[in-house]
Amino acid sequence: MTTPPPYYGPPGGEPGGVPAAPQNTQGLVGMILGIVSIPLVCCFYLGIPLGIAAAIVSYLGLQKANAGRATNRSQAMAGLITGAVGAVLGIALLIWAVTAGQNINWEDITNNSGN
């Protein structure tokens, strides 16, 4: 009578499976917000909050890319740069509007327009 071979169990090591997909969402969203923030500076200063949000989200995406969990480092960098540009342009335009508004004498304009 022959004995069956001994059972050694499944092979050791990491279980086989699908590798985790890269987490590219934050870099992409940051880039989109950053690009949109630049032209929206002229529309009721919407570029300032969008630029700040783009810079924050892109920074988080850049951290993921540096850690190896995302593959879109260039998109995160583009979002960080364009978000900062949008925020700075919006703040500069706001400062310019406030300082230019102080030099205008609105009483003279309204009194002379009726003549």
PDB file of N, CA and C in Angstrom:
ATOM      1  N   MET A   1       0.825  -1.149   0.000  1.00  0.00           N
ATOM      2  CA  MET A   1       0.000   0.000   0.000  1.00  0.00           C
ATOM      3  C   MET A   1       0.893   1.245   0.000  1.00  0.00           C
ATOM      4  N   THR A   2       0.501   2.237  -0.820  1.00  0.00           N
ATOM      5  CA  THR A   2       1.307   3.452  -0.913  1.00  0.00           C
ATOM      6  C   THR A   2       0.635   4.556  -0.119  1.00  0.00           C
ATOM      7  N   THR A   3       1.439   5.388   0.467  1.00  0.00           N
ATOM      8  CA  THR A   3       0.894   6.516   1.235  1.00  0.00           C
ATOM      9  C   THR A   3       0.875   7.756   0.341  1.00  0.00           C
ATOM     10  N   PRO A   4      -0.160   8.573   0.483  1.00  0.00           N
ATOM     11  CA  PRO A   4      -0.206   9.798  -0.335  1.00  0.00           C
ATOM     12  C   PRO A   4       0.882  10.776   0.105  1.00  0.00           C
ATOM     13  N   PRO A   5       1.287  11.658  -0.775  1.00  0.00           N
ATOM     14  CA  PRO A   5       2.323  12.632  -0.378  1.00  0.00           C
ATOM     15  C   PRO A   5       1.766  13.574   0.696  1.00  0.00           C
ATOM     16  N   PRO A   6       2.631  14.098   1.548  1.00  0.00           N
ATOM     17  CA  PRO A   6       2.153  14.976   2.614  1.00  0.00           C
ATOM     18  C   PRO A   6       1.646  16.308   2.040  1.00  0.00           C
ATOM     19  N   TYR A   7       0.680  16.903   2.758  1.00  0.00           N
ATOM     20  CA  TYR A   7       0.106  18.180   2.342  1.00  0.00           C
ATOM     21  C   TYR A   7       0.853  19.302   3.062  1.00  0.00           C
ATOM     22  N   TYR A   8       1.405  20.222   2.269  1.00  0.00           N
ATOM     23  CA  TYR A   8       2.189  21.320   2.840  1.00  0.00           C
ATOM     24  C   TYR A   8       1.398  22.630   2.939  1.00  0.00           C
ATOM     25  N   GLY A   9       0.201  22.682   2.431  1.00  0.00           N
ATOM     26  CA  GLY A   9      -0.611  23.894   2.495  1.00  0.00           C
ATOM     27  C   GLY A   9      -0.355  24.801   1.295  1.00  0.00           C
ATOM     28  N   PRO A  10      -0.998  25.948   1.278  1.00  0.00           N
ATOM     29  CA  PRO A  10      -0.811  26.870   0.151  1.00  0.00           C
ATOM     30  C   PRO A  10       0.585  27.484   0.181  1.00  0.00           C
ATOM     31  N   PRO A  11       1.042  27.971  -0.946  1.00  0.00           N
ATOM     32  CA  PRO A  11       2.378  28.569  -0.960  1.00  0.00           C
ATOM     33  C   PRO A  11       2.414  29.822  -0.082  1.00  0.00           C
ATOM     34  N   GLY A  12       3.542  30.075   0.520  1.00  0.00           N
ATOM     35  CA  GLY A  12       3.683  31.222   1.405  1.00  0.00           C
ATOM     36  C   GLY A  12       3.900  32.512   0.628  1.00  0.00           C
ATOM     37  N   GLY A  13       3.977  33.590   1.356  1.00  0.00           N
ATOM     38  CA  GLY A  13       4.217  34.881   0.729  1.00  0.00           C
ATOM     39  C   GLY A  13       2.936  35.691   0.627  1.00  0.00           C
ATOM     40  N   GLU A  14       3.015  36.750  -0.130  1.00  0.00           N
ATOM     41  CA  GLU A  14       1.867  37.629  -0.318  1.00  0.00           C
ATOM     42  C   GLU A  14       0.796  36.935  -1.147  1.00  0.00           C
ATOM     43  N   PRO A  15      -0.455  37.117  -0.775  1.00  0.00           N
ATOM     44  CA  PRO A  15      -1.498  36.527  -1.603  1.00  0.00           C
ATOM     45  C   PRO A  15      -1.580  37.272  -2.941  1.00  0.00           C
ATOM     46  N   GLY A  16      -1.793  36.522  -3.980  1.00  0.00           N
ATOM     47  CA  GLY A  16      -1.895  37.126  -5.298  1.00  0.00           C
ATOM     48  C   GLY A  16      -3.188  37.911  -5.420  1.00  0.00           C
ATOM     49  N   GLY A  17      -3.145  38.977  -6.169  1.00  0.00           N
ATOM     50  CA  GLY A  17      -4.336  39.790  -6.343  1.00  0.00           C
ATOM     51  C   GLY A  17      -4.025  40.967  -7.242  1.00  0.00           C
ATOM     52  N   VAL A  18      -5.022  41.763  -7.393  1.00  0.00           N
ATOM     53  CA  VAL A  18      -4.877  42.935  -8.235  1.00  0.00           C
ATOM     54  C   VAL A  18      -4.190  44.030  -7.424  1.00  0.00           C
ATOM     55  N   PRO A  19      -3.163  44.692  -7.978  1.00  0.00           N
ATOM     56  CA  PRO A  19      -2.535  45.785  -7.229  1.00  0.00           C
ATOM     57  C   PRO A  19      -3.492  46.969  -7.094  1.00  0.00           C
ATOM     58  N   ALA A  20      -3.287  47.752  -6.073  1.00  0.00           N
ATOM     59  CA  ALA A  20      -4.167  48.900  -5.806  1.00  0.00           C
ATOM     60  C   ALA A  20      -4.030  49.933  -6.924  1.00  0.00           C
ATOM     61  N   ALA A  21      -5.153  50.500  -7.308  1.00  0.00           N
ATOM     62  CA  ALA A  21      -5.147  51.532  -8.347  1.00  0.00           C
ATOM     63  C   ALA A  21      -4.572  52.818  -7.772  1.00  0.00           C
ATOM     64  N   PRO A  22      -3.913  53.612  -8.600  1.00  0.00           N
ATOM     65  CA  PRO A  22      -3.376  54.877  -8.088  1.00  0.00           C
ATOM     66  C   PRO A  22      -4.486  55.851  -7.705  1.00  0.00           C
ATOM     67  N   GLN A  23      -4.237  56.635  -6.693  1.00  0.00           N
ATOM     68  CA  GLN A  23      -5.219  57.587  -6.179  1.00  0.00           C
ATOM     69  C   GLN A  23      -4.935  58.967  -6.778  1.00  0.00           C
ATOM     70  N   ASN A  24      -5.371  59.172  -8.019  1.00  0.00           N
ATOM     71  CA  ASN A  24      -5.056  60.387  -8.766  1.00  0.00           C
ATOM     72  C   ASN A  24      -6.117  61.465  -8.680  1.00  0.00           C
ATOM     73  N   THR A  25      -7.137  61.289  -7.889  1.00  0.00           N
ATOM     74  CA  THR A  25      -8.262  62.213  -7.878  1.00  0.00           C
ATOM     75  C   THR A  25      -7.869  63.597  -7.372  1.00  0.00           C
ATOM     76  N   GLN A  26      -7.116  63.683  -6.301  1.00  0.00           N
ATOM     77  CA  GLN A  26      -6.793  64.981  -5.721  1.00  0.00           C
ATOM     78  C   GLN A  26      -5.927  65.817  -6.652  1.00  0.00           C
ATOM     79  N   GLY A  27      -4.973  65.206  -7.310  1.00  0.00           N
ATOM     80  CA  GLY A  27      -4.143  65.954  -8.246  1.00  0.00           C
ATOM     81  C   GLY A  27      -4.941  66.484  -9.417  1.00  0.00           C
ATOM     82  N   LEU A  28      -5.866  65.668  -9.926  1.00  0.00           N
ATOM     83  CA  LEU A  28      -6.694  66.082 -11.057  1.00  0.00           C
ATOM     84  C   LEU A  28      -7.652  67.198 -10.657  1.00  0.00           C
ATOM     85  N   VAL A  29      -8.319  67.055  -9.526  1.00  0.00           N
ATOM     86  CA  VAL A  29      -9.257  68.084  -9.070  1.00  0.00           C
ATOM     87  C   VAL A  29      -8.514  69.384  -8.773  1.00  0.00           C
ATOM     88  N   GLY A  30      -7.347  69.291  -8.180  1.00  0.00           N
ATOM     89  CA  GLY A  30      -6.559  70.489  -7.905  1.00  0.00           C
ATOM     90  C   GLY A  30      -6.145  71.204  -9.176  1.00  0.00           C
ATOM     91  N   MET A  31      -5.776  70.446 -10.202  1.00  0.00           N
ATOM     92  CA  MET A  31      -5.393  71.066 -11.470  1.00  0.00           C
ATOM     93  C   MET A  31      -6.593  71.760 -12.117  1.00  0.00           C
ATOM     94  N   ILE A  32      -7.747  71.111 -12.099  1.00  0.00           N
ATOM     95  CA  ILE A  32      -8.950  71.712 -12.695  1.00  0.00           C
ATOM     96  C   ILE A  32      -9.331  72.992 -11.949  1.00  0.00           C
ATOM     97  N   LEU A  33      -9.333  72.948 -10.623  1.00  0.00           N
ATOM     98  CA  LEU A  33      -9.666  74.139  -9.844  1.00  0.00           C
ATOM     99  C   LEU A  33      -8.661  75.264 -10.078  1.00  0.00           C
ATOM    100  N   GLY A  34      -7.394  74.909 -10.192  1.00  0.00           N
ATOM    101  CA  GLY A  34      -6.367  75.923 -10.417  1.00  0.00           C
ATOM    102  C   GLY A  34      -6.511  76.596 -11.760  1.00  0.00           C
ATOM    103  N   ILE A  35      -6.787  75.813 -12.799  1.00  0.00           N
ATOM    104  CA  ILE A  35      -6.956  76.391 -14.131  1.00  0.00           C
ATOM    105  C   ILE A  35      -8.194  77.278 -14.171  1.00  0.00           C
ATOM    106  N   VAL A  36      -9.262  76.853 -13.545  1.00  0.00           N
ATOM    107  CA  VAL A  36     -10.510  77.621 -13.553  1.00  0.00           C
ATOM    108  C   VAL A  36     -10.386  78.883 -12.689  1.00  0.00           C
ATOM    109  N   SER A  37      -9.528  78.859 -11.682  1.00  0.00           N
ATOM    110  CA  SER A  37      -9.430  80.009 -10.779  1.00  0.00           C
ATOM    111  C   SER A  37      -8.853  81.243 -11.464  1.00  0.00           C
ATOM    112  N   ILE A  38      -8.015  81.070 -12.474  1.00  0.00           N
ATOM    113  CA  ILE A  38      -7.378  82.228 -13.105  1.00  0.00           C
ATOM    114  C   ILE A  38      -8.384  83.100 -13.856  1.00  0.00           C
ATOM    115  N   PRO A  39      -9.214  82.559 -14.756  1.00  0.00           N
ATOM    116  CA  PRO A  39     -10.176  83.454 -15.409  1.00  0.00           C
ATOM    117  C   PRO A  39     -11.299  83.922 -14.485  1.00  0.00           C
ATOM    118  N   LEU A  40     -11.581  83.177 -13.424  1.00  0.00           N
ATOM    119  CA  LEU A  40     -12.654  83.578 -12.513  1.00  0.00           C
ATOM    120  C   LEU A  40     -12.229  84.643 -11.512  1.00  0.00           C
ATOM    121  N   VAL A  41     -10.993  85.114 -11.615  1.00  0.00           N
ATOM    122  CA  VAL A  41     -10.563  86.230 -10.770  1.00  0.00           C
ATOM    123  C   VAL A  41     -11.405  87.456 -11.085  1.00  0.00           C
ATOM    124  N   CYS A  42     -11.765  87.627 -12.336  1.00  0.00           N
ATOM    125  CA  CYS A  42     -12.533  88.805 -12.757  1.00  0.00           C
ATOM    126  C   CYS A  42     -14.017  88.686 -12.435  1.00  0.00           C
ATOM    127  N   CYS A  43     -14.488  87.533 -12.090  1.00  0.00           N
ATOM    128  CA  CYS A  43     -15.919  87.318 -11.834  1.00  0.00           C
ATOM    129  C   CYS A  43     -16.185  87.314 -10.331  1.00  0.00           C
ATOM    130  N   PHE A  44     -16.397  88.486  -9.781  1.00  0.00           N
ATOM    131  CA  PHE A  44     -16.731  88.633  -8.365  1.00  0.00           C
ATOM    132  C   PHE A  44     -15.683  87.999  -7.455  1.00  0.00           C
ATOM    133  N   TYR A  45     -14.450  88.021  -7.877  1.00  0.00           N
ATOM    134  CA  TYR A  45     -13.326  87.538  -7.082  1.00  0.00           C
ATOM    135  C   TYR A  45     -13.464  86.065  -6.698  1.00  0.00           C
ATOM    136  N   LEU A  46     -14.077  85.262  -7.545  1.00  0.00           N
ATOM    137  CA  LEU A  46     -14.198  83.830  -7.273  1.00  0.00           C
ATOM    138  C   LEU A  46     -12.859  83.108  -7.377  1.00  0.00           C
ATOM    139  N   GLY A  47     -11.890  83.750  -8.000  1.00  0.00           N
ATOM    140  CA  GLY A  47     -10.576  83.136  -8.142  1.00  0.00           C
ATOM    141  C   GLY A  47      -9.837  82.971  -6.842  1.00  0.00           C
ATOM    142  N   ILE A  48     -10.139  83.816  -5.862  1.00  0.00           N
ATOM    143  CA  ILE A  48      -9.421  83.726  -4.587  1.00  0.00           C
ATOM    144  C   ILE A  48      -9.760  82.429  -3.845  1.00  0.00           C
ATOM    145  N   PRO A  49     -11.042  82.136  -3.569  1.00  0.00           N
ATOM    146  CA  PRO A  49     -11.302  80.870  -2.859  1.00  0.00           C
ATOM    147  C   PRO A  49     -10.998  79.641  -3.710  1.00  0.00           C
ATOM    148  N   LEU A  50     -11.222  79.735  -5.022  1.00  0.00           N
ATOM    149  CA  LEU A  50     -10.900  78.589  -5.882  1.00  0.00           C
ATOM    150  C   LEU A  50      -9.399  78.358  -5.942  1.00  0.00           C
ATOM    151  N   GLY A  51      -8.626  79.434  -5.991  1.00  0.00           N
ATOM    152  CA  GLY A  51      -7.172  79.294  -6.006  1.00  0.00           C
ATOM    153  C   GLY A  51      -6.639  78.690  -4.725  1.00  0.00           C
ATOM    154  N   ILE A  52      -7.204  79.122  -3.601  1.00  0.00           N
ATOM    155  CA  ILE A  52      -6.774  78.569  -2.310  1.00  0.00           C
ATOM    156  C   ILE A  52      -7.154  77.095  -2.218  1.00  0.00           C
ATOM    157  N   ALA A  53      -8.370  76.763  -2.642  1.00  0.00           N
ATOM    158  CA  ALA A  53      -8.805  75.359  -2.617  1.00  0.00           C
ATOM    159  C   ALA A  53      -7.940  74.515  -3.546  1.00  0.00           C
ATOM    160  N   ALA A  54      -7.608  75.058  -4.715  1.00  0.00           N
ATOM    161  CA  ALA A  54      -6.765  74.321  -5.666  1.00  0.00           C
ATOM    162  C   ALA A  54      -5.383  74.062  -5.085  1.00  0.00           C
ATOM    163  N   ALA A  55      -4.822  75.058  -4.416  1.00  0.00           N
ATOM    164  CA  ALA A  55      -3.498  74.889  -3.830  1.00  0.00           C
ATOM    165  C   ALA A  55      -3.514  73.833  -2.723  1.00  0.00           C
ATOM    166  N   ILE A  56      -4.557  73.830  -1.915  1.00  0.00           N
ATOM    167  CA  ILE A  56      -4.636  72.858  -0.813  1.00  0.00           C
ATOM    168  C   ILE A  56      -4.830  71.446  -1.346  1.00  0.00           C
ATOM    169  N   VAL A  57      -5.784  71.279  -2.263  1.00  0.00           N
ATOM    170  CA  VAL A  57      -6.060  69.948  -2.808  1.00  0.00           C
ATOM    171  C   VAL A  57      -4.865  69.438  -3.604  1.00  0.00           C
ATOM    172  N   SER A  58      -4.214  70.319  -4.348  1.00  0.00           N
ATOM    173  CA  SER A  58      -3.039  69.911  -5.119  1.00  0.00           C
ATOM    174  C   SER A  58      -1.881  69.540  -4.214  1.00  0.00           C
ATOM    175  N   TYR A  59      -1.729  70.244  -3.107  1.00  0.00           N
ATOM    176  CA  TYR A  59      -0.674  69.895  -2.159  1.00  0.00           C
ATOM    177  C   TYR A  59      -0.906  68.491  -1.593  1.00  0.00           C
ATOM    178  N   LEU A  60      -2.161  68.187  -1.268  1.00  0.00           N
ATOM    179  CA  LEU A  60      -2.468  66.839  -0.768  1.00  0.00           C
ATOM    180  C   LEU A  60      -2.222  65.785  -1.846  1.00  0.00           C
ATOM    181  N   GLY A  61      -2.567  66.109  -3.094  1.00  0.00           N
ATOM    182  CA  GLY A  61      -2.289  65.193  -4.198  1.00  0.00           C
ATOM    183  C   GLY A  61      -0.803  65.010  -4.426  1.00  0.00           C
ATOM    184  N   LEU A  62      -0.033  66.071  -4.237  1.00  0.00           N
ATOM    185  CA  LEU A  62       1.417  65.990  -4.379  1.00  0.00           C
ATOM    186  C   LEU A  62       2.022  65.106  -3.293  1.00  0.00           C
ATOM    187  N   GLN A  63       1.478  65.191  -2.100  1.00  0.00           N
ATOM    188  CA  GLN A  63       1.950  64.323  -1.018  1.00  0.00           C
ATOM    189  C   GLN A  63       1.697  62.855  -1.343  1.00  0.00           C
ATOM    190  N   LYS A  64       0.521  62.562  -1.930  1.00  0.00           N
ATOM    191  CA  LYS A  64       0.225  61.183  -2.329  1.00  0.00           C
ATOM    192  C   LYS A  64       1.160  60.725  -3.441  1.00  0.00           C
ATOM    193  N   ALA A  65       1.464  61.620  -4.380  1.00  0.00           N
ATOM    194  CA  ALA A  65       2.361  61.260  -5.472  1.00  0.00           C
ATOM    195  C   ALA A  65       3.771  61.006  -4.950  1.00  0.00           C
ATOM    196  N   ASN A  66       4.220  61.803  -4.007  1.00  0.00           N
ATOM    197  CA  ASN A  66       5.555  61.598  -3.430  1.00  0.00           C
ATOM    198  C   ASN A  66       5.632  60.318  -2.606  1.00  0.00           C
ATOM    199  N   ALA A  67       4.498  59.904  -2.033  1.00  0.00           N
ATOM    200  CA  ALA A  67       4.464  58.671  -1.246  1.00  0.00           C
ATOM    201  C   ALA A  67       4.313  57.434  -2.132  1.00  0.00           C
ATOM    202  N   GLY A  68       4.033  57.634  -3.425  1.00  0.00           N
ATOM    203  CA  GLY A  68       3.894  56.509  -4.333  1.00  0.00           C
ATOM    204  C   GLY A  68       2.484  55.991  -4.478  1.00  0.00           C
ATOM    205  N   ARG A  69       1.504  56.646  -3.860  1.00  0.00           N
ATOM    206  CA  ARG A  69       0.124  56.187  -3.973  1.00  0.00           C
ATOM    207  C   ARG A  69      -0.593  56.788  -5.170  1.00  0.00           C
ATOM    208  N   ALA A  70       0.014  57.788  -5.837  1.00  0.00           N
ATOM    209  CA  ALA A  70      -0.571  58.414  -7.024  1.00  0.00           C
ATOM    210  C   ALA A  70       0.509  58.512  -8.098  1.00  0.00           C
ATOM    211  N   THR A  71       0.064  58.618  -9.337  1.00  0.00           N
ATOM    212  CA  THR A  71       1.012  58.668 -10.454  1.00  0.00           C
ATOM    213  C   THR A  71       0.941  59.979 -11.223  1.00  0.00           C
ATOM    214  N   ASN A  72       0.264  60.972 -10.698  1.00  0.00           N
ATOM    215  CA  ASN A  72       0.077  62.217 -11.441  1.00  0.00           C
ATOM    216  C   ASN A  72       0.734  63.394 -10.726  1.00  0.00           C
ATOM    217  N   ARG A  73       2.012  63.288 -10.491  1.00  0.00           N
ATOM    218  CA  ARG A  73       2.741  64.357  -9.807  1.00  0.00           C
ATOM    219  C   ARG A  73       2.697  65.650 -10.605  1.00  0.00           C
ATOM    220  N   SER A  74       2.792  65.557 -11.928  1.00  0.00           N
ATOM    221  CA  SER A  74       2.799  66.767 -12.755  1.00  0.00           C
ATOM    222  C   SER A  74       1.446  67.487 -12.719  1.00  0.00           C
ATOM    223  N   GLN A  75       0.360  66.743 -12.661  1.00  0.00           N
ATOM    224  CA  GLN A  75      -0.948  67.389 -12.538  1.00  0.00           C
ATOM    225  C   GLN A  75      -1.080  68.096 -11.191  1.00  0.00           C
ATOM    226  N   ALA A  76      -0.596  67.474 -10.146  1.00  0.00           N
ATOM    227  CA  ALA A  76      -0.663  68.105  -8.826  1.00  0.00           C
ATOM    228  C   ALA A  76       0.196  69.365  -8.783  1.00  0.00           C
ATOM    229  N   MET A  77       1.376  69.333  -9.413  1.00  0.00           N
ATOM    230  CA  MET A  77       2.227  70.524  -9.470  1.00  0.00           C
ATOM    231  C   MET A  77       1.558  71.638 -10.269  1.00  0.00           C
ATOM    232  N   ALA A  78       0.927  71.285 -11.399  1.00  0.00           N
ATOM    233  CA  ALA A  78       0.227  72.287 -12.211  1.00  0.00           C
ATOM    234  C   ALA A  78      -0.914  72.911 -11.418  1.00  0.00           C
ATOM    235  N   GLY A  79      -1.650  72.115 -10.664  1.00  0.00           N
ATOM    236  CA  GLY A  79      -2.727  72.640  -9.832  1.00  0.00           C
ATOM    237  C   GLY A  79      -2.212  73.544  -8.731  1.00  0.00           C
ATOM    238  N   LEU A  80      -1.091  73.178  -8.136  1.00  0.00           N
ATOM    239  CA  LEU A  80      -0.504  73.995  -7.074  1.00  0.00           C
ATOM    240  C   LEU A  80      -0.052  75.347  -7.624  1.00  0.00           C
ATOM    241  N   ILE A  81       0.586  75.335  -8.786  1.00  0.00           N
ATOM    242  CA  ILE A  81       1.086  76.583  -9.378  1.00  0.00           C
ATOM    243  C   ILE A  81      -0.066  77.459  -9.845  1.00  0.00           C
ATOM    244  N   THR A  82      -1.011  76.883 -10.600  1.00  0.00           N
ATOM    245  CA  THR A  82      -2.112  77.702 -11.115  1.00  0.00           C
ATOM    246  C   THR A  82      -3.042  78.169  -9.995  1.00  0.00           C
ATOM    247  N   GLY A  83      -3.210  77.368  -8.958  1.00  0.00           N
ATOM    248  CA  GLY A  83      -4.012  77.797  -7.816  1.00  0.00           C
ATOM    249  C   GLY A  83      -3.370  78.968  -7.091  1.00  0.00           C
ATOM    250  N   ALA A  84      -2.059  78.911  -6.917  1.00  0.00           N
ATOM    251  CA  ALA A  84      -1.360  80.029  -6.278  1.00  0.00           C
ATOM    252  C   ALA A  84      -1.432  81.279  -7.143  1.00  0.00           C
ATOM    253  N   VAL A  85      -1.282  81.125  -8.459  1.00  0.00           N
ATOM    254  CA  VAL A  85      -1.376  82.275  -9.360  1.00  0.00           C
ATOM    255  C   VAL A  85      -2.776  82.881  -9.306  1.00  0.00           C
ATOM    256  N   GLY A  86      -3.808  82.039  -9.335  1.00  0.00           N
ATOM    257  CA  GLY A  86      -5.180  82.538  -9.256  1.00  0.00           C
ATOM    258  C   GLY A  86      -5.458  83.278  -7.958  1.00  0.00           C
ATOM    259  N   ALA A  87      -4.978  82.742  -6.844  1.00  0.00           N
ATOM    260  CA  ALA A  87      -5.201  83.394  -5.552  1.00  0.00           C
ATOM    261  C   ALA A  87      -4.452  84.714  -5.469  1.00  0.00           C
ATOM    262  N   VAL A  88      -3.212  84.744  -5.943  1.00  0.00           N
ATOM    263  CA  VAL A  88      -2.415  85.977  -5.882  1.00  0.00           C
ATOM    264  C   VAL A  88      -3.018  87.038  -6.804  1.00  0.00           C
ATOM    265  N   LEU A  89      -3.434  86.647  -8.004  1.00  0.00           N
ATOM    266  CA  LEU A  89      -4.069  87.612  -8.909  1.00  0.00           C
ATOM    267  C   LEU A  89      -5.367  88.160  -8.310  1.00  0.00           C
ATOM    268  N   GLY A  90      -6.148  87.298  -7.693  1.00  0.00           N
ATOM    269  CA  GLY A  90      -7.390  87.746  -7.072  1.00  0.00           C
ATOM    270  C   GLY A  90      -7.148  88.711  -5.933  1.00  0.00           C
ATOM    271  N   ILE A  91      -6.160  88.428  -5.104  1.00  0.00           N
ATOM    272  CA  ILE A  91      -5.842  89.321  -3.990  1.00  0.00           C
ATOM    273  C   ILE A  91      -5.298  90.645  -4.515  1.00  0.00           C
ATOM    274  N   ALA A  92      -4.449  90.585  -5.556  1.00  0.00           N
ATOM    275  CA  ALA A  92      -3.919  91.815  -6.146  1.00  0.00           C
ATOM    276  C   ALA A  92      -5.036  92.657  -6.758  1.00  0.00           C
ATOM    277  N   LEU A  93      -5.971  92.023  -7.433  1.00  0.00           N
ATOM    278  CA  LEU A  93      -7.092  92.757  -8.014  1.00  0.00           C
ATOM    279  C   LEU A  93      -7.985  93.360  -6.929  1.00  0.00           C
ATOM    280  N   LEU A  94      -8.176  92.638  -5.851  1.00  0.00           N
ATOM    281  CA  LEU A  94      -8.972  93.153  -4.732  1.00  0.00           C
ATOM    282  C   LEU A  94      -8.295  94.361  -4.092  1.00  0.00           C
ATOM    283  N   ILE A  95      -6.991  94.283  -3.885  1.00  0.00           N
ATOM    284  CA  ILE A  95      -6.243  95.410  -3.319  1.00  0.00           C
ATOM    285  C   ILE A  95      -6.311  96.605  -4.259  1.00  0.00           C
ATOM    286  N   TRP A  96      -6.133  96.367  -5.550  1.00  0.00           N
ATOM    287  CA  TRP A  96      -6.201  97.449  -6.531  1.00  0.00           C
ATOM    288  C   TRP A  96      -7.583  98.096  -6.530  1.00  0.00           C
ATOM    289  N   ALA A  97      -8.636  97.296  -6.458  1.00  0.00           N
ATOM    290  CA  ALA A  97      -9.993  97.842  -6.480  1.00  0.00           C
ATOM    291  C   ALA A  97     -10.271  98.678  -5.235  1.00  0.00           C
ATOM    292  N   VAL A  98      -9.776  98.245  -4.098  1.00  0.00           N
ATOM    293  CA  VAL A  98     -10.003  98.991  -2.860  1.00  0.00           C
ATOM    294  C   VAL A  98      -9.224 100.301  -2.881  1.00  0.00           C
ATOM    295  N   THR A  99      -7.976 100.262  -3.315  1.00  0.00           N
ATOM    296  CA  THR A  99      -7.180 101.492  -3.325  1.00  0.00           C
ATOM    297  C   THR A  99      -7.625 102.444  -4.418  1.00  0.00           C
ATOM    298  N   ALA A 100      -8.066 101.959  -5.538  1.00  0.00           N
ATOM    299  CA  ALA A 100      -8.551 102.837  -6.607  1.00  0.00           C
ATOM    300  C   ALA A 100      -9.887 103.445  -6.230  1.00  0.00           C
ATOM    301  N   GLY A 101     -10.672 102.754  -5.460  1.00  0.00           N
ATOM    302  CA  GLY A 101     -11.966 103.269  -5.037  1.00  0.00           C
ATOM    303  C   GLY A 101     -11.846 104.416  -4.062  1.00  0.00           C
ATOM    304  N   GLN A 102     -10.735 104.553  -3.368  1.00  0.00           N
ATOM    305  CA  GLN A 102     -10.561 105.638  -2.415  1.00  0.00           C
ATOM    306  C   GLN A 102     -10.273 106.967  -3.106  1.00  0.00           C
ATOM    307  N   ASN A 103      -9.781 106.946  -4.316  1.00  0.00           N
ATOM    308  CA  ASN A 103      -9.436 108.173  -5.022  1.00  0.00           C
ATOM    309  C   ASN A 103     -10.620 108.774  -5.770  1.00  0.00           C
ATOM    310  N   ILE A 104     -11.709 108.085  -5.849  1.00  0.00           N
ATOM    311  CA  ILE A 104     -12.865 108.556  -6.601  1.00  0.00           C
ATOM    312  C   ILE A 104     -13.785 109.316  -5.652  1.00  0.00           C
ATOM    313  N   ASN A 105     -14.163 110.531  -6.039  1.00  0.00           N
ATOM    314  CA  ASN A 105     -15.100 111.324  -5.257  1.00  0.00           C
ATOM    315  C   ASN A 105     -16.491 111.100  -5.851  1.00  0.00           C
ATOM    316  N   TRP A 106     -17.254 110.227  -5.247  1.00  0.00           N
ATOM    317  CA  TRP A 106     -18.547 109.827  -5.808  1.00  0.00           C
ATOM    318  C   TRP A 106     -19.579 110.960  -5.734  1.00  0.00           C
ATOM    319  N   GLU A 107     -19.434 111.868  -4.787  1.00  0.00           N
ATOM    320  CA  GLU A 107     -20.380 112.981  -4.690  1.00  0.00           C
ATOM    321  C   GLU A 107     -20.258 113.914  -5.900  1.00  0.00           C
ATOM    322  N   ASP A 108     -19.035 114.180  -6.338  1.00  0.00           N
ATOM    323  CA  ASP A 108     -18.854 115.026  -7.523  1.00  0.00           C
ATOM    324  C   ASP A 108     -19.425 114.360  -8.765  1.00  0.00           C
ATOM    325  N   ILE A 109     -19.265 113.074  -8.866  1.00  0.00           N
ATOM    326  CA  ILE A 109     -19.769 112.363 -10.051  1.00  0.00           C
ATOM    327  C   ILE A 109     -21.292 112.395 -10.078  1.00  0.00           C
ATOM    328  N   THR A 110     -21.922 112.143  -8.935  1.00  0.00           N
ATOM    329  CA  THR A 110     -23.384 112.110  -8.918  1.00  0.00           C
ATOM    330  C   THR A 110     -23.987 113.504  -9.051  1.00  0.00           C
ATOM    331  N   ASN A 111     -23.326 114.532  -8.501  1.00  0.00           N
ATOM    332  CA  ASN A 111     -23.854 115.899  -8.600  1.00  0.00           C
ATOM    333  C   ASN A 111     -23.695 116.476 -10.004  1.00  0.00           C
ATOM    334  N   ASN A 112     -22.615 116.149 -10.686  1.00  0.00           N
ATOM    335  CA  ASN A 112     -22.359 116.700 -12.012  1.00  0.00           C
ATOM    336  C   ASN A 112     -23.074 115.943 -13.118  1.00  0.00           C
ATOM    337  N   SER A 113     -23.513 114.733 -12.840  1.00  0.00           N
ATOM    338  CA  SER A 113     -24.159 113.964 -13.901  1.00  0.00           C
ATOM    339  C   SER A 113     -25.549 114.477 -14.225  1.00  0.00           C
ATOM    340  N   GLY A 114     -26.184 115.211 -13.326  1.00  0.00           N
ATOM    341  CA  GLY A 114     -27.520 115.727 -13.567  1.00  0.00           C
ATOM    342  C   GLY A 114     -27.530 117.004 -14.383  1.00  0.00           C
ATOM    343  N   ASN A 115     -26.410 117.642 -14.568  1.00  0.00           N
ATOM    344  CA  ASN A 115     -26.336 118.916 -15.306  1.00  0.00           C
ATOM    345  C   ASN A 115     -26.264 118.747 -16.776  1.00  0.00           C
TER     346      ASN A 115
END
